[in-house]
Amino acid sequence: MQRKILYLLLLGAAVIVVAMLVVVLTQPRSAPTPPLQLPTKNPDVAAATEPPKDTSPIDVVRQFFDRWNAKDLAGMDACRVESDKGLYASDELAYEQSVELIRCEEQSKEEALTRFDQSFYDMPYDVALVLSDYVVHYNEAGKAFYARDSVEHTGFQFWLVKESADGGWRIAMQGY
C-alpha cells in the first residue's frame, strides 16, 4: 500500500513537472535586451574648447546645452569652472535621447549678487545668474530605467563666475 501511494505521488510530481515544462517551452520568447550603449561624441561639436572670453553668461549656458545634447562630456566640462569638471558621467548620458532648452534668461546683477552663496564658491571677480527651463527626453533604455519618457526642469539656476577682468564666464554652480 505504501509503495502504491509513493508511486502515485511520484507520478503526480512527474505530471506537474512535464506540465510546467510544456508551459515554459511554449511561451513566446521576448527579444533579449540589448546592452546599454554609451554615447559617442557628436563630431559636429568642437570638443573641450572653452567658450570665448567675450561670450555672455547666457551663451555659455546655451553652449553647455548644445554640448550636453551632443553628449560631449569634455565640451560640457569646458563650460565649467575647474573644480566642477567631471560632474556628469557617460553612463548618465546613455539614458538620454536629447535635451530641449526651453527658456534661458539672465537675472539682474543685483539679484545675482544678493543670492550668490559663497559657501559653495568664493566671491569671484564677477557673478551672473541664468534661469533656465528644459526637458530631458529619454531613449528606450532611459524610459525603462526611469519609467517615464522625459523630465522637465523649471527655474533651474546656473551660477556663472568670472575669475578675473579678462577671464571668461564659466558655470560654477547649478541647481534649484
C-alpha atoms as a PDB file:
ATOM      1  CA  MET A   1       0.000   0.000   0.000  1.00  0.00           C
ATOM      2  CA  GLN A   2       2.785   2.416   0.894  1.00  0.00           C
ATOM      3  CA  ARG A   3       4.524   1.581  -2.340  1.00  0.00           C
ATOM      4  CA  LYS A   4       1.375   2.386  -4.300  1.00  0.00           C
ATOM      5  CA  ILE A   5       1.000   5.778  -2.559  1.00  0.00           C
ATOM      6  CA  LEU A   6       4.668   6.603  -3.204  1.00  0.00           C
ATOM      7  CA  TYR A   7       4.253   5.571  -6.843  1.00  0.00           C
ATOM      8  CA  LEU A   8       1.169   7.830  -7.219  1.00  0.00           C
ATOM      9  CA  LEU A   9       2.988  10.776  -5.570  1.00  0.00           C
ATOM     10  CA  LEU A  10       5.963  10.385  -7.910  1.00  0.00           C
ATOM     11  CA  LEU A  11       3.668  10.051 -10.908  1.00  0.00           C
ATOM     12  CA  GLY A  12       1.773  13.188  -9.858  1.00  0.00           C
ATOM     13  CA  ALA A  13       5.046  15.119  -9.407  1.00  0.00           C
ATOM     14  CA  ALA A  14       6.236  13.968 -12.847  1.00  0.00           C
ATOM     15  CA  VAL A  15       2.975  15.136 -14.436  1.00  0.00           C
ATOM     16  CA  ILE A  16       3.354  18.550 -12.768  1.00  0.00           C
ATOM     17  CA  VAL A  17       6.975  18.885 -13.939  1.00  0.00           C
ATOM     18  CA  VAL A  18       6.040  17.940 -17.509  1.00  0.00           C
ATOM     19  CA  ALA A  19       3.131  20.405 -17.473  1.00  0.00           C
ATOM     20  CA  MET A  20       5.441  23.183 -16.241  1.00  0.00           C
ATOM     21  CA  LEU A  21       7.982  22.379 -18.949  1.00  0.00           C
ATOM     22  CA  VAL A  22       5.277  22.493 -21.619  1.00  0.00           C
ATOM     23  CA  VAL A  23       4.093  25.910 -20.385  1.00  0.00           C
ATOM     24  CA  VAL A  24       7.616  27.332 -20.225  1.00  0.00           C
ATOM     25  CA  LEU A  25       8.721  25.956 -23.570  1.00  0.00           C
ATOM     26  CA  THR A  26       5.599  27.038 -25.447  1.00  0.00           C
ATOM     27  CA  GLN A  27       5.696  30.674 -24.248  1.00  0.00           C
ATOM     28  CA  PRO A  28       6.838  33.171 -26.884  1.00  0.00           C
ATOM     29  CA  ARG A  29      10.330  34.355 -26.187  1.00  0.00           C
ATOM     30  CA  SER A  30      10.978  38.056 -25.903  1.00  0.00           C
ATOM     31  CA  ALA A  31      13.922  39.533 -27.698  1.00  0.00           C
ATOM     32  CA  PRO A  32      16.980  39.795 -25.479  1.00  0.00           C
ATOM     33  CA  THR A  33      17.536  43.240 -24.015  1.00  0.00           C
ATOM     34  CA  PRO A  34      20.371  44.900 -25.892  1.00  0.00           C
ATOM     35  CA  PRO A  35      23.277  46.068 -23.748  1.00  0.00           C
ATOM     36  CA  LEU A  36      23.235  49.722 -22.756  1.00  0.00           C
ATOM     37  CA  GLN A  37      25.194  51.695 -25.319  1.00  0.00           C
ATOM     38  CA  LEU A  38      27.353  54.513 -24.008  1.00  0.00           C
ATOM     39  CA  PRO A  39      27.093  57.689 -26.030  1.00  0.00           C
ATOM     40  CA  THR A  40      29.590  58.693 -28.620  1.00  0.00           C
ATOM     41  CA  LYS A  41      30.624  62.250 -29.274  1.00  0.00           C
ATOM     42  CA  ASN A  42      28.947  64.214 -31.973  1.00  0.00           C
ATOM     43  CA  PRO A  43      31.734  65.297 -34.360  1.00  0.00           C
ATOM     44  CA  ASP A  44      29.804  68.474 -35.229  1.00  0.00           C
ATOM     45  CA  VAL A  45      30.518  69.958 -31.796  1.00  0.00           C
ATOM     46  CA  ALA A  46      34.009  71.118 -31.001  1.00  0.00           C
ATOM     47  CA  ALA A  47      35.233  69.078 -28.040  1.00  0.00           C
ATOM     48  CA  ALA A  48      36.881  70.557 -24.968  1.00  0.00           C
ATOM     49  CA  THR A  49      37.175  74.096 -26.254  1.00  0.00           C
ATOM     50  CA  GLU A  50      36.331  76.749 -23.729  1.00  0.00           C
ATOM     51  CA  PRO A  51      33.769  79.340 -24.712  1.00  0.00           C
ATOM     52  CA  PRO A  52      35.425  82.532 -25.987  1.00  0.00           C
ATOM     53  CA  LYS A  53      36.218  85.069 -23.256  1.00  0.00           C
ATOM     54  CA  ASP A  54      33.741  87.605 -24.661  1.00  0.00           C
ATOM     55  CA  THR A  55      30.845  85.107 -24.527  1.00  0.00           C
ATOM     56  CA  SER A  56      27.863  86.182 -22.410  1.00  0.00           C
ATOM     57  CA  PRO A  57      26.599  84.069 -19.479  1.00  0.00           C
ATOM     58  CA  ILE A  58      23.503  83.071 -21.489  1.00  0.00           C
ATOM     59  CA  ASP A  59      25.668  81.970 -24.411  1.00  0.00           C
ATOM     60  CA  VAL A  60      27.827  79.831 -22.087  1.00  0.00           C
ATOM     61  CA  VAL A  61      24.692  78.106 -20.755  1.00  0.00           C
ATOM     62  CA  ARG A  62      23.439  77.584 -24.326  1.00  0.00           C
ATOM     63  CA  GLN A  63      26.817  76.126 -25.317  1.00  0.00           C
ATOM     64  CA  PHE A  64      26.603  73.826 -22.289  1.00  0.00           C
ATOM     65  CA  PHE A  65      23.193  72.565 -23.514  1.00  0.00           C
ATOM     66  CA  ASP A  66      24.463  72.165 -27.095  1.00  0.00           C
ATOM     67  CA  ARG A  67      27.346  70.066 -25.826  1.00  0.00           C
ATOM     68  CA  TRP A  68      25.031  68.128 -23.497  1.00  0.00           C
ATOM     69  CA  ASN A  69      22.785  67.340 -26.473  1.00  0.00           C
ATOM     70  CA  ALA A  70      25.859  66.197 -28.404  1.00  0.00           C
ATOM     71  CA  LYS A  71      26.867  64.015 -25.420  1.00  0.00           C
ATOM     72  CA  ASP A  72      30.213  65.825 -25.402  1.00  0.00           C
ATOM     73  CA  LEU A  73      31.380  65.486 -21.785  1.00  0.00           C
ATOM     74  CA  ALA A  74      34.675  67.271 -22.412  1.00  0.00           C
ATOM     75  CA  GLY A  75      32.810  70.134 -24.058  1.00  0.00           C
ATOM     76  CA  MET A  76      30.383  70.330 -21.125  1.00  0.00           C
ATOM     77  CA  ASP A  77      33.319  70.446 -18.736  1.00  0.00           C
ATOM     78  CA  ALA A  78      34.934  73.234 -20.780  1.00  0.00           C
ATOM     79  CA  CYS A  79      31.937  75.418 -19.835  1.00  0.00           C
ATOM     80  CA  ARG A  80      32.553  74.816 -16.115  1.00  0.00           C
ATOM     81  CA  VAL A  81      34.997  76.071 -13.544  1.00  0.00           C
ATOM     82  CA  GLU A  82      37.873  73.691 -12.885  1.00  0.00           C
ATOM     83  CA  SER A  83      36.507  72.454  -9.541  1.00  0.00           C
ATOM     84  CA  ASP A  84      33.192  71.345 -11.118  1.00  0.00           C
ATOM     85  CA  LYS A  85      34.571  69.412 -14.054  1.00  0.00           C
ATOM     86  CA  GLY A  86      33.539  65.772 -14.236  1.00  0.00           C
ATOM     87  CA  LEU A  87      30.085  66.185 -12.676  1.00  0.00           C
ATOM     88  CA  TYR A  88      28.396  64.277 -15.489  1.00  0.00           C
ATOM     89  CA  ALA A  89      29.190  60.675 -16.302  1.00  0.00           C
ATOM     90  CA  SER A  90      28.821  58.999 -19.673  1.00  0.00           C
ATOM     91  CA  ASP A  91      26.550  56.328 -18.183  1.00  0.00           C
ATOM     92  CA  GLU A  92      24.026  59.044 -17.237  1.00  0.00           C
ATOM     93  CA  LEU A  93      24.053  60.377 -20.797  1.00  0.00           C
ATOM     94  CA  ALA A  94      23.462  56.857 -22.123  1.00  0.00           C
ATOM     95  CA  TYR A  95      19.828  57.088 -20.969  1.00  0.00           C
ATOM     96  CA  GLU A  96      19.156  60.435 -22.652  1.00  0.00           C
ATOM     97  CA  GLN A  97      17.852  60.925 -26.175  1.00  0.00           C
ATOM     98  CA  SER A  98      18.010  64.708 -26.176  1.00  0.00           C
ATOM     99  CA  VAL A  99      17.842  67.815 -24.030  1.00  0.00           C
ATOM    100  CA  GLU A 100      15.488  70.598 -25.051  1.00  0.00           C
ATOM    101  CA  LEU A 101      16.300  74.086 -23.763  1.00  0.00           C
ATOM    102  CA  ILE A 102      13.001  75.958 -23.476  1.00  0.00           C
ATOM    103  CA  ARG A 103      13.984  79.160 -21.672  1.00  0.00           C
ATOM    104  CA  CYS A 104      17.263  80.774 -20.762  1.00  0.00           C
ATOM    105  CA  GLU A 105      17.324  84.251 -19.215  1.00  0.00           C
ATOM    106  CA  GLU A 106      19.891  86.191 -17.245  1.00  0.00           C
ATOM    107  CA  GLN A 107      18.768  87.750 -13.984  1.00  0.00           C
ATOM    108  CA  SER A 108      19.815  91.223 -12.869  1.00  0.00           C
ATOM    109  CA  LYS A 109      23.283  91.776 -11.423  1.00  0.00           C
ATOM    110  CA  GLU A 110      21.702  92.817  -8.117  1.00  0.00           C
ATOM    111  CA  GLU A 111      19.696  89.570  -7.983  1.00  0.00           C
ATOM    112  CA  ALA A 112      22.794  87.521  -8.739  1.00  0.00           C
ATOM    113  CA  LEU A 113      24.897  89.242  -6.076  1.00  0.00           C
ATOM    114  CA  THR A 114      22.135  89.025  -3.469  1.00  0.00           C
ATOM    115  CA  ARG A 115      21.501  85.313  -3.982  1.00  0.00           C
ATOM    116  CA  PHE A 116      25.087  84.139  -4.578  1.00  0.00           C
ATOM    117  CA  ASP A 117      26.079  81.510  -1.995  1.00  0.00           C
ATOM    118  CA  GLN A 118      29.721  81.943  -1.012  1.00  0.00           C
ATOM    119  CA  SER A 119      29.679  78.711   0.984  1.00  0.00           C
ATOM    120  CA  PHE A 120      29.905  76.865  -2.350  1.00  0.00           C
ATOM    121  CA  TYR A 121      32.241  79.194  -4.178  1.00  0.00           C
ATOM    122  CA  ASP A 122      34.423  82.110  -3.004  1.00  0.00           C
ATOM    123  CA  MET A 123      33.362  85.508  -4.243  1.00  0.00           C
ATOM    124  CA  PRO A 124      34.859  85.882  -7.728  1.00  0.00           C
ATOM    125  CA  TYR A 125      35.545  88.967  -9.818  1.00  0.00           C
ATOM    126  CA  ASP A 126      32.005  88.861 -11.280  1.00  0.00           C
ATOM    127  CA  VAL A 127      28.822  86.766 -10.872  1.00  0.00           C
ATOM    128  CA  ALA A 128      25.825  86.041 -13.117  1.00  0.00           C
ATOM    129  CA  LEU A 129      22.638  84.052 -12.568  1.00  0.00           C
ATOM    130  CA  VAL A 130      20.888  82.416 -15.519  1.00  0.00           C
ATOM    131  CA  LEU A 131      17.494  80.758 -15.030  1.00  0.00           C
ATOM    132  CA  SER A 132      16.502  78.026 -17.439  1.00  0.00           C
ATOM    133  CA  ASP A 133      13.661  75.664 -18.192  1.00  0.00           C
ATOM    134  CA  TYR A 134      14.498  72.470 -20.036  1.00  0.00           C
ATOM    135  CA  VAL A 135      13.271  68.955 -20.737  1.00  0.00           C
ATOM    136  CA  VAL A 136      15.390  65.800 -20.764  1.00  0.00           C
ATOM    137  CA  HIS A 137      13.930  63.265 -23.223  1.00  0.00           C
ATOM    138  CA  TYR A 138      14.904  59.661 -22.527  1.00  0.00           C
ATOM    139  CA  ASN A 139      15.773  56.957 -25.049  1.00  0.00           C
ATOM    140  CA  GLU A 140      14.279  53.451 -24.743  1.00  0.00           C
ATOM    141  CA  ALA A 141      16.767  52.418 -22.045  1.00  0.00           C
ATOM    142  CA  GLY A 142      16.052  55.619 -20.128  1.00  0.00           C
ATOM    143  CA  LYS A 143      12.296  55.143 -20.427  1.00  0.00           C
ATOM    144  CA  ALA A 144      12.654  51.654 -18.981  1.00  0.00           C
ATOM    145  CA  PHE A 145      15.017  52.798 -16.211  1.00  0.00           C
ATOM    146  CA  TYR A 146      13.143  55.953 -15.162  1.00  0.00           C
ATOM    147  CA  ALA A 147       9.642  54.655 -16.065  1.00  0.00           C
ATOM    148  CA  ARG A 148       8.812  57.855 -17.943  1.00  0.00           C
ATOM    149  CA  ASP A 149       9.503  59.480 -21.309  1.00  0.00           C
ATOM    150  CA  SER A 150      11.007  62.734 -20.065  1.00  0.00           C
ATOM    151  CA  VAL A 151      11.549  65.012 -17.099  1.00  0.00           C
ATOM    152  CA  GLU A 152      11.022  68.771 -17.087  1.00  0.00           C
ATOM    153  CA  HIS A 153      13.141  71.176 -15.074  1.00  0.00           C
ATOM    154  CA  THR A 154      11.659  74.628 -14.429  1.00  0.00           C
ATOM    155  CA  GLY A 155      13.524  77.540 -12.882  1.00  0.00           C
ATOM    156  CA  PHE A 156      16.832  75.682 -12.883  1.00  0.00           C
ATOM    157  CA  GLN A 157      19.654  78.010 -11.816  1.00  0.00           C
ATOM    158  CA  PHE A 158      23.058  78.280 -13.418  1.00  0.00           C
ATOM    159  CA  TRP A 159      25.537  80.390 -11.464  1.00  0.00           C
ATOM    160  CA  LEU A 160      28.362  81.686 -13.619  1.00  0.00           C
ATOM    161  CA  VAL A 161      31.540  83.400 -12.481  1.00  0.00           C
ATOM    162  CA  LYS A 162      34.401  85.372 -13.945  1.00  0.00           C
ATOM    163  CA  GLU A 163      37.653  84.791 -12.084  1.00  0.00           C
ATOM    164  CA  SER A 164      39.249  87.999 -13.384  1.00  0.00           C
ATOM    165  CA  ALA A 165      38.508  91.052 -15.539  1.00  0.00           C
ATOM    166  CA  ASP A 166      39.906  89.336 -18.630  1.00  0.00           C
ATOM    167  CA  GLY A 167      38.557  85.863 -17.805  1.00  0.00           C
ATOM    168  CA  GLY A 168      35.600  84.185 -19.484  1.00  0.00           C
ATOM    169  CA  TRP A 169      32.309  83.195 -17.899  1.00  0.00           C
ATOM    170  CA  ARG A 170      32.165  79.631 -16.518  1.00  0.00           C
ATOM    171  CA  ILE A 171      29.414  77.689 -14.764  1.00  0.00           C
ATOM    172  CA  ALA A 172      30.348  77.417 -11.082  1.00  0.00           C
ATOM    173  CA  MET A 173      27.137  76.060  -9.563  1.00  0.00           C
ATOM    174  CA  GLN A 174      23.806  74.758 -10.725  1.00  0.00           C
ATOM    175  CA  GLY A 175      20.599  73.586  -9.140  1.00  0.00           C
ATOM    176  CA  TYR A 176      17.399  74.884  -7.624  1.00  0.00           C
END
